[in-house]
Amino acid sequence: MSRESSADPFSTFLNATNHQISHGSLPVGPDRYTDALPPVAMLLIRALDGRPRTAVGELRIELGLTTLQIAEAVEVLRRLSLVEVVAGGGDEVLELTSSGQDFVDGTR
């Protein structure tokens, strides 16, 4: 396309799927902000609210999610310092960090 105002279709797609927003209201992790999380990550972080360390397998069954869905959501939450992954016996366990608890409290 030769017009300067035409948009690159790939950057439009990437911008539409970017869930991190740089002008949010809650600090998360080192100098990061977020207004929205992917739906599965939001479901997972809300399920962890008010619980002690919880096994990933227990959450997978309780929420009806696949292992891949849990893994992707955990990675997003871990990178944002909202959850901590702890090795626990045969299954990893998740625990909200203080930033994660602040995030959940801010979404109520």
PDB file of N, CA and C in Angstrom:
ATOM      1  N   MET A   1       0.839  -1.168   0.000  1.00  0.00           N
ATOM      2  CA  MET A   1       0.000   0.000   0.000  1.00  0.00           C
ATOM      3  C   MET A   1       0.886   1.233   0.000  1.00  0.00           C
ATOM      4  N   SER A   2       0.561   2.175  -0.822  1.00  0.00           N
ATOM      5  CA  SER A   2       1.426   3.327  -0.978  1.00  0.00           C
ATOM      6  C   SER A   2       1.006   4.522  -0.135  1.00  0.00           C
ATOM      7  N   ARG A   3      -0.193   4.509   0.409  1.00  0.00           N
ATOM      8  CA  ARG A   3      -0.632   5.648   1.213  1.00  0.00           C
ATOM      9  C   ARG A   3       0.029   5.606   2.577  1.00  0.00           C
ATOM     10  N   GLU A   4       0.460   6.772   3.065  1.00  0.00           N
ATOM     11  CA  GLU A   4       1.131   6.850   4.347  1.00  0.00           C
ATOM     12  C   GLU A   4       0.187   6.537   5.498  1.00  0.00           C
ATOM     13  N   SER A   5      -1.095   6.742   5.327  1.00  0.00           N
ATOM     14  CA  SER A   5      -2.037   6.526   6.417  1.00  0.00           C
ATOM     15  C   SER A   5      -2.473   5.068   6.554  1.00  0.00           C
ATOM     16  N   SER A   6      -2.048   4.207   5.612  1.00  0.00           N
ATOM     17  CA  SER A   6      -2.450   2.813   5.724  1.00  0.00           C
ATOM     18  C   SER A   6      -1.692   2.142   6.867  1.00  0.00           C
ATOM     19  N   ALA A   7      -2.363   1.232   7.531  1.00  0.00           N
ATOM     20  CA  ALA A   7      -1.779   0.560   8.696  1.00  0.00           C
ATOM     21  C   ALA A   7      -1.196  -0.783   8.298  1.00  0.00           C
ATOM     22  N   ASP A   8      -0.133  -1.129   8.935  1.00  0.00           N
ATOM     23  CA  ASP A   8       0.466  -2.444   8.772  1.00  0.00           C
ATOM     24  C   ASP A   8      -0.459  -3.451   9.449  1.00  0.00           C
ATOM     25  N   PRO A   9      -0.983  -4.443   8.729  1.00  0.00           N
ATOM     26  CA  PRO A   9      -1.948  -5.370   9.340  1.00  0.00           C
ATOM     27  C   PRO A   9      -1.366  -6.168  10.506  1.00  0.00           C
ATOM     28  N   PHE A  10      -0.070  -6.460  10.475  1.00  0.00           N
ATOM     29  CA  PHE A  10       0.520  -7.229  11.566  1.00  0.00           C
ATOM     30  C   PHE A  10       0.619  -6.407  12.837  1.00  0.00           C
ATOM     31  N   SER A  11       0.998  -5.131  12.724  1.00  0.00           N
ATOM     32  CA  SER A  11       1.080  -4.306  13.937  1.00  0.00           C
ATOM     33  C   SER A  11      -0.310  -4.037  14.495  1.00  0.00           C
ATOM     34  N   THR A  12      -1.312  -3.949  13.622  1.00  0.00           N
ATOM     35  CA  THR A  12      -2.680  -3.778  14.096  1.00  0.00           C
ATOM     36  C   THR A  12      -3.110  -4.998  14.894  1.00  0.00           C
ATOM     37  N   PHE A  13      -2.780  -6.186  14.380  1.00  0.00           N
ATOM     38  CA  PHE A  13      -3.113  -7.418  15.103  1.00  0.00           C
ATOM     39  C   PHE A  13      -2.391  -7.476  16.442  1.00  0.00           C
ATOM     40  N   LEU A  14      -1.104  -7.192  16.449  1.00  0.00           N
ATOM     41  CA  LEU A  14      -0.327  -7.243  17.683  1.00  0.00           C
ATOM     42  C   LEU A  14      -0.840  -6.235  18.702  1.00  0.00           C
ATOM     43  N   ASN A  15      -1.189  -5.042  18.270  1.00  0.00           N
ATOM     44  CA  ASN A  15      -1.711  -4.038  19.188  1.00  0.00           C
ATOM     45  C   ASN A  15      -3.060  -4.465  19.760  1.00  0.00           C
ATOM     46  N   ALA A  16      -3.861  -5.147  18.967  1.00  0.00           N
ATOM     47  CA  ALA A  16      -5.182  -5.572  19.424  1.00  0.00           C
ATOM     48  C   ALA A  16      -5.097  -6.711  20.431  1.00  0.00           C
ATOM     49  N   THR A  17      -4.015  -7.503  20.366  1.00  0.00           N
ATOM     50  CA  THR A  17      -3.895  -8.637  21.273  1.00  0.00           C
ATOM     51  C   THR A  17      -2.985  -8.354  22.460  1.00  0.00           C
ATOM     52  N   ASN A  18      -2.451  -7.168  22.546  1.00  0.00           N
ATOM     53  CA  ASN A  18      -1.576  -6.819  23.669  1.00  0.00           C
ATOM     54  C   ASN A  18      -2.437  -6.503  24.876  1.00  0.00           C
ATOM     55  N   HIS A  19      -2.312  -7.316  25.933  1.00  0.00           N
ATOM     56  CA  HIS A  19      -3.143  -7.141  27.121  1.00  0.00           C
ATOM     57  C   HIS A  19      -2.494  -6.259  28.174  1.00  0.00           C
ATOM     58  N   GLN A  20      -1.222  -5.912  28.008  1.00  0.00           N
ATOM     59  CA  GLN A  20      -0.577  -5.031  28.958  1.00  0.00           C
ATOM     60  C   GLN A  20      -0.776  -3.600  28.496  1.00  0.00           C
ATOM     61  N   ILE A  21      -1.212  -2.777  29.402  1.00  0.00           N
ATOM     62  CA  ILE A  21      -1.484  -1.385  29.086  1.00  0.00           C
ATOM     63  C   ILE A  21      -0.549  -0.539  29.914  1.00  0.00           C
ATOM     64  N   SER A  22       0.120   0.415  29.297  1.00  0.00           N
ATOM     65  CA  SER A  22       1.169   1.148  29.984  1.00  0.00           C
ATOM     66  C   SER A  22       0.658   2.282  30.856  1.00  0.00           C
ATOM     67  N   HIS A  23      -0.630   2.526  30.891  1.00  0.00           N
ATOM     68  CA  HIS A  23      -1.130   3.651  31.673  1.00  0.00           C
ATOM     69  C   HIS A  23      -2.119   3.211  32.740  1.00  0.00           C
ATOM     70  N   GLY A  24      -1.875   2.060  33.328  1.00  0.00           N
ATOM     71  CA  GLY A  24      -2.780   1.513  34.338  1.00  0.00           C
ATOM     72  C   GLY A  24      -2.699   2.236  35.663  1.00  0.00           C
ATOM     73  N   SER A  25      -3.432   1.705  36.635  1.00  0.00           N
ATOM     74  CA  SER A  25      -3.508   2.376  37.914  1.00  0.00           C
ATOM     75  C   SER A  25      -2.840   1.616  39.045  1.00  0.00           C
ATOM     76  N   LEU A  26      -2.490   0.341  38.848  1.00  0.00           N
ATOM     77  CA  LEU A  26      -1.883  -0.436  39.915  1.00  0.00           C
ATOM     78  C   LEU A  26      -0.460  -0.821  39.538  1.00  0.00           C
ATOM     79  N   PRO A  27       0.533  -0.468  40.362  1.00  0.00           N
ATOM     80  CA  PRO A  27       1.894  -0.906  40.065  1.00  0.00           C
ATOM     81  C   PRO A  27       2.007  -2.412  40.264  1.00  0.00           C
ATOM     82  N   VAL A  28       2.638  -3.068  39.320  1.00  0.00           N
ATOM     83  CA  VAL A  28       2.806  -4.509  39.387  1.00  0.00           C
ATOM     84  C   VAL A  28       4.228  -4.807  38.950  1.00  0.00           C
ATOM     85  N   GLY A  29       4.990  -5.448  39.806  1.00  0.00           N
ATOM     86  CA  GLY A  29       6.369  -5.751  39.463  1.00  0.00           C
ATOM     87  C   GLY A  29       7.183  -4.475  39.375  1.00  0.00           C
ATOM     88  N   PRO A  30       8.409  -4.600  38.909  1.00  0.00           N
ATOM     89  CA  PRO A  30       9.276  -3.428  38.843  1.00  0.00           C
ATOM     90  C   PRO A  30       8.842  -2.457  37.750  1.00  0.00           C
ATOM     91  N   ASP A  31       8.266  -1.347  38.162  1.00  0.00           N
ATOM     92  CA  ASP A  31       7.860  -0.262  37.258  1.00  0.00           C
ATOM     93  C   ASP A  31       6.898  -0.683  36.155  1.00  0.00           C
ATOM     94  N   ARG A  32       6.016  -1.654  36.422  1.00  0.00           N
ATOM     95  CA  ARG A  32       5.035  -2.077  35.420  1.00  0.00           C
ATOM     96  C   ARG A  32       3.640  -1.743  35.899  1.00  0.00           C
ATOM     97  N   TYR A  33       2.745  -1.568  34.948  1.00  0.00           N
ATOM     98  CA  TYR A  33       1.340  -1.297  35.255  1.00  0.00           C
ATOM     99  C   TYR A  33       0.483  -2.195  34.391  1.00  0.00           C
ATOM    100  N   THR A  34      -0.694  -2.506  34.881  1.00  0.00           N
ATOM    101  CA  THR A  34      -1.602  -3.327  34.087  1.00  0.00           C
ATOM    102  C   THR A  34      -3.034  -2.964  34.422  1.00  0.00           C
ATOM    103  N   ASP A  35      -3.889  -2.908  33.448  1.00  0.00           N
ATOM    104  CA  ASP A  35      -5.311  -2.685  33.664  1.00  0.00           C
ATOM    105  C   ASP A  35      -6.087  -3.967  33.447  1.00  0.00           C
ATOM    106  N   ALA A  36      -5.555  -4.844  32.616  1.00  0.00           N
ATOM    107  CA  ALA A  36      -6.295  -6.058  32.266  1.00  0.00           C
ATOM    108  C   ALA A  36      -5.330  -7.214  32.095  1.00  0.00           C
ATOM    109  N   LEU A  37      -5.800  -8.362  32.447  1.00  0.00           N
ATOM    110  CA  LEU A  37      -5.059  -9.600  32.225  1.00  0.00           C
ATOM    111  C   LEU A  37      -5.854 -10.452  31.261  1.00  0.00           C
ATOM    112  N   PRO A  38      -5.193 -11.415  30.598  1.00  0.00           N
ATOM    113  CA  PRO A  38      -5.965 -12.350  29.780  1.00  0.00           C
ATOM    114  C   PRO A  38      -7.014 -13.038  30.663  1.00  0.00           C
ATOM    115  N   PRO A  39      -8.148 -13.412  30.101  1.00  0.00           N
ATOM    116  CA  PRO A  39      -9.245 -13.976  30.903  1.00  0.00           C
ATOM    117  C   PRO A  39      -8.851 -15.163  31.780  1.00  0.00           C
ATOM    118  N   VAL A  40      -8.047 -16.083  31.261  1.00  0.00           N
ATOM    119  CA  VAL A  40      -7.672 -17.251  32.057  1.00  0.00           C
ATOM    120  C   VAL A  40      -6.762 -16.837  33.214  1.00  0.00           C
ATOM    121  N   ALA A  41      -5.862 -15.887  32.982  1.00  0.00           N
ATOM    122  CA  ALA A  41      -4.996 -15.396  34.058  1.00  0.00           C
ATOM    123  C   ALA A  41      -5.827 -14.711  35.137  1.00  0.00           C
ATOM    124  N   MET A  42      -6.832 -13.962  34.727  1.00  0.00           N
ATOM    125  CA  MET A  42      -7.705 -13.296  35.690  1.00  0.00           C
ATOM    126  C   MET A  42      -8.498 -14.328  36.493  1.00  0.00           C
ATOM    127  N   LEU A  43      -8.997 -15.353  35.841  1.00  0.00           N
ATOM    128  CA  LEU A  43      -9.717 -16.429  36.515  1.00  0.00           C
ATOM    129  C   LEU A  43      -8.813 -17.111  37.543  1.00  0.00           C
ATOM    130  N   LEU A  44      -7.585 -17.365  37.154  1.00  0.00           N
ATOM    131  CA  LEU A  44      -6.637 -18.039  38.024  1.00  0.00           C
ATOM    132  C   LEU A  44      -6.267 -17.183  39.237  1.00  0.00           C
ATOM    133  N   ILE A  45      -5.991 -15.916  39.024  1.00  0.00           N
ATOM    134  CA  ILE A  45      -5.590 -15.061  40.144  1.00  0.00           C
ATOM    135  C   ILE A  45      -6.745 -14.868  41.124  1.00  0.00           C
ATOM    136  N   ARG A  46      -7.954 -14.807  40.610  1.00  0.00           N
ATOM    137  CA  ARG A  46      -9.116 -14.699  41.511  1.00  0.00           C
ATOM    138  C   ARG A  46      -9.340 -15.989  42.285  1.00  0.00           C
ATOM    139  N   ALA A  47      -9.046 -17.133  41.666  1.00  0.00           N
ATOM    140  CA  ALA A  47      -9.186 -18.414  42.356  1.00  0.00           C
ATOM    141  C   ALA A  47      -8.162 -18.545  43.482  1.00  0.00           C
ATOM    142  N   LEU A  48      -7.029 -17.894  43.364  1.00  0.00           N
ATOM    143  CA  LEU A  48      -5.992 -17.957  44.391  1.00  0.00           C
ATOM    144  C   LEU A  48      -6.266 -17.019  45.565  1.00  0.00           C
ATOM    145  N   ASP A  49      -7.142 -16.060  45.367  1.00  0.00           N
ATOM    146  CA  ASP A  49      -7.429 -15.070  46.405  1.00  0.00           C
ATOM    147  C   ASP A  49      -7.962 -15.747  47.667  1.00  0.00           C
ATOM    148  N   GLY A  50      -7.346 -15.433  48.797  1.00  0.00           N
ATOM    149  CA  GLY A  50      -7.795 -15.954  50.078  1.00  0.00           C
ATOM    150  C   GLY A  50      -7.375 -17.384  50.374  1.00  0.00           C
ATOM    151  N   ARG A  51      -6.528 -17.942  49.536  1.00  0.00           N
ATOM    152  CA  ARG A  51      -6.074 -19.321  49.730  1.00  0.00           C
ATOM    153  C   ARG A  51      -4.599 -19.343  50.092  1.00  0.00           C
ATOM    154  N   PRO A  52      -4.205 -20.367  50.846  1.00  0.00           N
ATOM    155  CA  PRO A  52      -2.763 -20.572  51.023  1.00  0.00           C
ATOM    156  C   PRO A  52      -2.202 -21.160  49.724  1.00  0.00           C
ATOM    157  N   ARG A  53      -1.023 -21.621  49.760  1.00  0.00           N
ATOM    158  CA  ARG A  53      -0.438 -22.254  48.566  1.00  0.00           C
ATOM    159  C   ARG A  53      -1.383 -23.319  48.032  1.00  0.00           C
ATOM    160  N   THR A  54      -1.600 -23.279  46.708  1.00  0.00           N
ATOM    161  CA  THR A  54      -2.568 -24.185  46.083  1.00  0.00           C
ATOM    162  C   THR A  54      -1.896 -24.923  44.929  1.00  0.00           C
ATOM    163  N   ALA A  55      -2.094 -26.235  44.871  1.00  0.00           N
ATOM    164  CA  ALA A  55      -1.489 -27.062  43.830  1.00  0.00           C
ATOM    165  C   ALA A  55      -2.069 -26.720  42.465  1.00  0.00           C
ATOM    166  N   VAL A  56      -1.195 -26.697  41.468  1.00  0.00           N
ATOM    167  CA  VAL A  56      -1.615 -26.395  40.099  1.00  0.00           C
ATOM    168  C   VAL A  56      -2.646 -27.409  39.628  1.00  0.00           C
ATOM    169  N   GLY A  57      -2.439 -28.680  39.922  1.00  0.00           N
ATOM    170  CA  GLY A  57      -3.384 -29.725  39.515  1.00  0.00           C
ATOM    171  C   GLY A  57      -4.764 -29.526  40.108  1.00  0.00           C
ATOM    172  N   GLU A  58      -4.816 -29.085  41.354  1.00  0.00           N
ATOM    173  CA  GLU A  58      -6.097 -28.812  42.012  1.00  0.00           C
ATOM    174  C   GLU A  58      -6.835 -27.676  41.306  1.00  0.00           C
ATOM    175  N   LEU A  59      -6.101 -26.616  40.958  1.00  0.00           N
ATOM    176  CA  LEU A  59      -6.713 -25.487  40.252  1.00  0.00           C
ATOM    177  C   LEU A  59      -7.179 -25.890  38.857  1.00  0.00           C
ATOM    178  N   ARG A  60      -6.386 -26.718  38.179  1.00  0.00           N
ATOM    179  CA  ARG A  60      -6.742 -27.171  36.828  1.00  0.00           C
ATOM    180  C   ARG A  60      -8.078 -27.902  36.852  1.00  0.00           C
ATOM    181  N   ILE A  61      -8.245 -28.792  37.801  1.00  0.00           N
ATOM    182  CA  ILE A  61      -9.495 -29.558  37.909  1.00  0.00           C
ATOM    183  C   ILE A  61     -10.647 -28.651  38.328  1.00  0.00           C
ATOM    184  N   GLU A  62     -10.414 -27.853  39.356  1.00  0.00           N
ATOM    185  CA  GLU A  62     -11.461 -26.971  39.881  1.00  0.00           C
ATOM    186  C   GLU A  62     -11.980 -25.986  38.839  1.00  0.00           C
ATOM    187  N   LEU A  63     -11.064 -25.429  38.041  1.00  0.00           N
ATOM    188  CA  LEU A  63     -11.451 -24.412  37.059  1.00  0.00           C
ATOM    189  C   LEU A  63     -11.778 -24.999  35.691  1.00  0.00           C
ATOM    190  N   GLY A  64     -11.535 -26.300  35.496  1.00  0.00           N
ATOM    191  CA  GLY A  64     -11.827 -26.940  34.214  1.00  0.00           C
ATOM    192  C   GLY A  64     -10.924 -26.451  33.095  1.00  0.00           C
ATOM    193  N   LEU A  65      -9.661 -26.215  33.409  1.00  0.00           N
ATOM    194  CA  LEU A  65      -8.709 -25.703  32.421  1.00  0.00           C
ATOM    195  C   LEU A  65      -7.745 -26.795  31.997  1.00  0.00           C
ATOM    196  N   THR A  66      -7.170 -26.621  30.815  1.00  0.00           N
ATOM    197  CA  THR A  66      -6.150 -27.555  30.349  1.00  0.00           C
ATOM    198  C   THR A  66      -4.811 -27.190  30.982  1.00  0.00           C
ATOM    199  N   THR A  67      -3.883 -28.110  30.920  1.00  0.00           N
ATOM    200  CA  THR A  67      -2.541 -27.856  31.437  1.00  0.00           C
ATOM    201  C   THR A  67      -1.902 -26.683  30.699  1.00  0.00           C
ATOM    202  N   LEU A  68      -2.100 -26.605  29.391  1.00  0.00           N
ATOM    203  CA  LEU A  68      -1.538 -25.507  28.602  1.00  0.00           C
ATOM    204  C   LEU A  68      -2.139 -24.163  29.023  1.00  0.00           C
ATOM    205  N   GLN A  69      -3.438 -24.118  29.230  1.00  0.00           N
ATOM    206  CA  GLN A  69      -4.070 -22.867  29.671  1.00  0.00           C
ATOM    207  C   GLN A  69      -3.508 -22.414  31.016  1.00  0.00           C
ATOM    208  N   ILE A  70      -3.355 -23.348  31.947  1.00  0.00           N
ATOM    209  CA  ILE A  70      -2.793 -23.019  33.258  1.00  0.00           C
ATOM    210  C   ILE A  70      -1.355 -22.524  33.095  1.00  0.00           C
ATOM    211  N   ALA A  71      -0.563 -23.231  32.303  1.00  0.00           N
ATOM    212  CA  ALA A  71       0.846 -22.863  32.113  1.00  0.00           C
ATOM    213  C   ALA A  71       0.983 -21.462  31.539  1.00  0.00           C
ATOM    214  N   GLU A  72       0.176 -21.137  30.529  1.00  0.00           N
ATOM    215  CA  GLU A  72       0.241 -19.801  29.924  1.00  0.00           C
ATOM    216  C   GLU A  72      -0.175 -18.725  30.918  1.00  0.00           C
ATOM    217  N   ALA A  73      -1.234 -18.979  31.670  1.00  0.00           N
ATOM    218  CA  ALA A  73      -1.705 -17.997  32.653  1.00  0.00           C
ATOM    219  C   ALA A  73      -0.685 -17.807  33.764  1.00  0.00           C
ATOM    220  N   VAL A  74      -0.106 -18.895  34.234  1.00  0.00           N
ATOM    221  CA  VAL A  74       0.904 -18.810  35.293  1.00  0.00           C
ATOM    222  C   VAL A  74       2.106 -18.012  34.811  1.00  0.00           C
ATOM    223  N   GLU A  75       2.514 -18.218  33.588  1.00  0.00           N
ATOM    224  CA  GLU A  75       3.669 -17.478  33.060  1.00  0.00           C
ATOM    225  C   GLU A  75       3.395 -15.978  33.019  1.00  0.00           C
ATOM    226  N   VAL A  76       2.217 -15.585  32.588  1.00  0.00           N
ATOM    227  CA  VAL A  76       1.848 -14.159  32.582  1.00  0.00           C
ATOM    228  C   VAL A  76       1.877 -13.609  34.002  1.00  0.00           C
ATOM    229  N   LEU A  77       1.246 -14.313  34.933  1.00  0.00           N
ATOM    230  CA  LEU A  77       1.164 -13.848  36.318  1.00  0.00           C
ATOM    231  C   LEU A  77       2.529 -13.834  36.988  1.00  0.00           C
ATOM    232  N   ARG A  78       3.359 -14.808  36.671  1.00  0.00           N
ATOM    233  CA  ARG A  78       4.702 -14.871  37.245  1.00  0.00           C
ATOM    234  C   ARG A  78       5.580 -13.720  36.746  1.00  0.00           C
ATOM    235  N   ARG A  79       5.517 -13.445  35.434  1.00  0.00           N
ATOM    236  CA  ARG A  79       6.308 -12.340  34.869  1.00  0.00           C
ATOM    237  C   ARG A  79       5.909 -11.004  35.464  1.00  0.00           C
ATOM    238  N   LEU A  80       4.646 -10.859  35.813  1.00  0.00           N
ATOM    239  CA  LEU A  80       4.154  -9.610  36.408  1.00  0.00           C
ATOM    240  C   LEU A  80       4.331  -9.594  37.929  1.00  0.00           C
ATOM    241  N   SER A  81       4.959 -10.622  38.470  1.00  0.00           N
ATOM    242  CA  SER A  81       5.206 -10.751  39.912  1.00  0.00           C
ATOM    243  C   SER A  81       3.919 -10.790  40.724  1.00  0.00           C
ATOM    244  N   LEU A  82       2.861 -11.381  40.149  1.00  0.00           N
ATOM    245  CA  LEU A  82       1.585 -11.489  40.851  1.00  0.00           C
ATOM    246  C   LEU A  82       1.449 -12.824  41.577  1.00  0.00           C
ATOM    247  N   VAL A  83       2.139 -13.854  41.086  1.00  0.00           N
ATOM    248  CA  VAL A  83       2.150 -15.148  41.756  1.00  0.00           C
ATOM    249  C   VAL A  83       3.574 -15.657  41.858  1.00  0.00           C
ATOM    250  N   GLU A  84       3.753 -16.555  42.807  1.00  0.00           N
ATOM    251  CA  GLU A  84       5.033 -17.233  42.975  1.00  0.00           C
ATOM    252  C   GLU A  84       4.780 -18.717  42.771  1.00  0.00           C
ATOM    253  N   VAL A  85       5.661 -19.360  42.022  1.00  0.00           N
ATOM    254  CA  VAL A  85       5.563 -20.798  41.780  1.00  0.00           C
ATOM    255  C   VAL A  85       6.562 -21.482  42.711  1.00  0.00           C
ATOM    256  N   VAL A  86       6.063 -22.427  43.497  1.00  0.00           N
ATOM    257  CA  VAL A  86       6.884 -23.125  44.484  1.00  0.00           C
ATOM    258  C   VAL A  86       6.801 -24.618  44.205  1.00  0.00           C
ATOM    259  N   ALA A  87       7.951 -25.265  44.189  1.00  0.00           N
ATOM    260  CA  ALA A  87       7.956 -26.722  44.016  1.00  0.00           C
ATOM    261  C   ALA A  87       7.381 -27.342  45.277  1.00  0.00           C
ATOM    262  N   GLY A  88       6.412 -28.221  45.089  1.00  0.00           N
ATOM    263  CA  GLY A  88       5.774 -28.845  46.238  1.00  0.00           C
ATOM    264  C   GLY A  88       5.470 -30.295  45.985  1.00  0.00           C
ATOM    265  N   GLY A  89       6.348 -31.177  46.424  1.00  0.00           N
ATOM    266  CA  GLY A  89       6.115 -32.603  46.212  1.00  0.00           C
ATOM    267  C   GLY A  89       6.093 -32.949  44.733  1.00  0.00           C
ATOM    268  N   GLY A  90       5.020 -33.593  44.292  1.00  0.00           N
ATOM    269  CA  GLY A  90       4.900 -33.997  42.901  1.00  0.00           C
ATOM    270  C   GLY A  90       4.252 -32.947  42.014  1.00  0.00           C
ATOM    271  N   ASP A  91       3.713 -31.890  42.594  1.00  0.00           N
ATOM    272  CA  ASP A  91       2.997 -30.871  41.833  1.00  0.00           C
ATOM    273  C   ASP A  91       3.459 -29.494  42.281  1.00  0.00           C
ATOM    274  N   GLU A  92       3.611 -28.590  41.334  1.00  0.00           N
ATOM    275  CA  GLU A  92       3.959 -27.222  41.706  1.00  0.00           C
ATOM    276  C   GLU A  92       2.769 -26.567  42.380  1.00  0.00           C
ATOM    277  N   VAL A  93       3.058 -25.647  43.278  1.00  0.00           N
ATOM    278  CA  VAL A  93       1.994 -24.908  43.949  1.00  0.00           C
ATOM    279  C   VAL A  93       2.154 -23.429  43.648  1.00  0.00           C
ATOM    280  N   LEU A  94       1.024 -22.728  43.685  1.00  0.00           N
ATOM    281  CA  LEU A  94       1.002 -21.295  43.416  1.00  0.00           C
ATOM    282  C   LEU A  94       0.612 -20.550  44.673  1.00  0.00           C
ATOM    283  N   GLU A  95       1.152 -19.364  44.783  1.00  0.00           N
ATOM    284  CA  GLU A  95       0.827 -18.510  45.908  1.00  0.00           C
ATOM    285  C   GLU A  95       0.805 -17.071  45.407  1.00  0.00           C
ATOM    286  N   LEU A  96      -0.202 -16.314  45.831  1.00  0.00           N
ATOM    287  CA  LEU A  96      -0.249 -14.899  45.483  1.00  0.00           C
ATOM    288  C   LEU A  96       0.892 -14.174  46.174  1.00  0.00           C
ATOM    289  N   THR A  97       1.537 -13.269  45.474  1.00  0.00           N
ATOM    290  CA  THR A  97       2.516 -12.391  46.093  1.00  0.00           C
ATOM    291  C   THR A  97       1.768 -11.215  46.715  1.00  0.00           C
ATOM    292  N   SER A  98       2.458 -10.372  47.421  1.00  0.00           N
ATOM    293  CA  SER A  98       1.792  -9.192  47.974  1.00  0.00           C
ATOM    294  C   SER A  98       1.282  -8.299  46.843  1.00  0.00           C
ATOM    295  N   SER A  99       2.032  -8.219  45.741  1.00  0.00           N
ATOM    296  CA  SER A  99       1.569  -7.446  44.578  1.00  0.00           C
ATOM    297  C   SER A  99       0.319  -8.085  43.972  1.00  0.00           C
ATOM    298  N   GLY A 100       0.288  -9.407  43.960  1.00  0.00           N
ATOM    299  CA  GLY A 100      -0.883 -10.127  43.453  1.00  0.00           C
ATOM    300  C   GLY A 100      -2.104  -9.862  44.298  1.00  0.00           C
ATOM    301  N   GLN A 101      -1.928  -9.850  45.618  1.00  0.00           N
ATOM    302  CA  GLN A 101      -3.038  -9.570  46.514  1.00  0.00           C
ATOM    303  C   GLN A 101      -3.539  -8.134  46.331  1.00  0.00           C
ATOM    304  N   ASP A 102      -2.595  -7.197  46.167  1.00  0.00           N
ATOM    305  CA  ASP A 102      -2.969  -5.800  45.904  1.00  0.00           C
ATOM    306  C   ASP A 102      -3.747  -5.678  44.603  1.00  0.00           C
ATOM    307  N   PHE A 103      -3.317  -6.432  43.580  1.00  0.00           N
ATOM    308  CA  PHE A 103      -4.002  -6.404  42.298  1.00  0.00           C
ATOM    309  C   PHE A 103      -5.441  -6.905  42.449  1.00  0.00           C
ATOM    310  N   VAL A 104      -5.608  -8.053  43.122  1.00  0.00           N
ATOM    311  CA  VAL A 104      -6.939  -8.624  43.313  1.00  0.00           C
ATOM    312  C   VAL A 104      -7.807  -7.650  44.111  1.00  0.00           C
ATOM    313  N   ASP A 105      -7.256  -7.088  45.163  1.00  0.00           N
ATOM    314  CA  ASP A 105      -8.009  -6.130  45.976  1.00  0.00           C
ATOM    315  C   ASP A 105      -8.443  -4.920  45.131  1.00  0.00           C
ATOM    316  N   GLY A 106      -7.614  -4.506  44.196  1.00  0.00           N
ATOM    317  CA  GLY A 106      -7.936  -3.358  43.352  1.00  0.00           C
ATOM    318  C   GLY A 106      -8.977  -3.647  42.284  1.00  0.00           C
ATOM    319  N   THR A 107      -9.238  -4.931  42.007  1.00  0.00           N
ATOM    320  CA  THR A 107     -10.221  -5.280  40.966  1.00  0.00           C
ATOM    321  C   THR A 107     -11.606  -5.503  41.539  1.00  0.00           C
ATOM    322  N   ARG A 108     -11.737  -5.409  42.846  1.00  0.00           N
ATOM    323  CA  ARG A 108     -13.060  -5.622  43.473  1.00  0.00           C
ATOM    324  C   ARG A 108     -13.904  -4.408  43.350  1.00  0.00           C
TER     325      ARG A 108
END
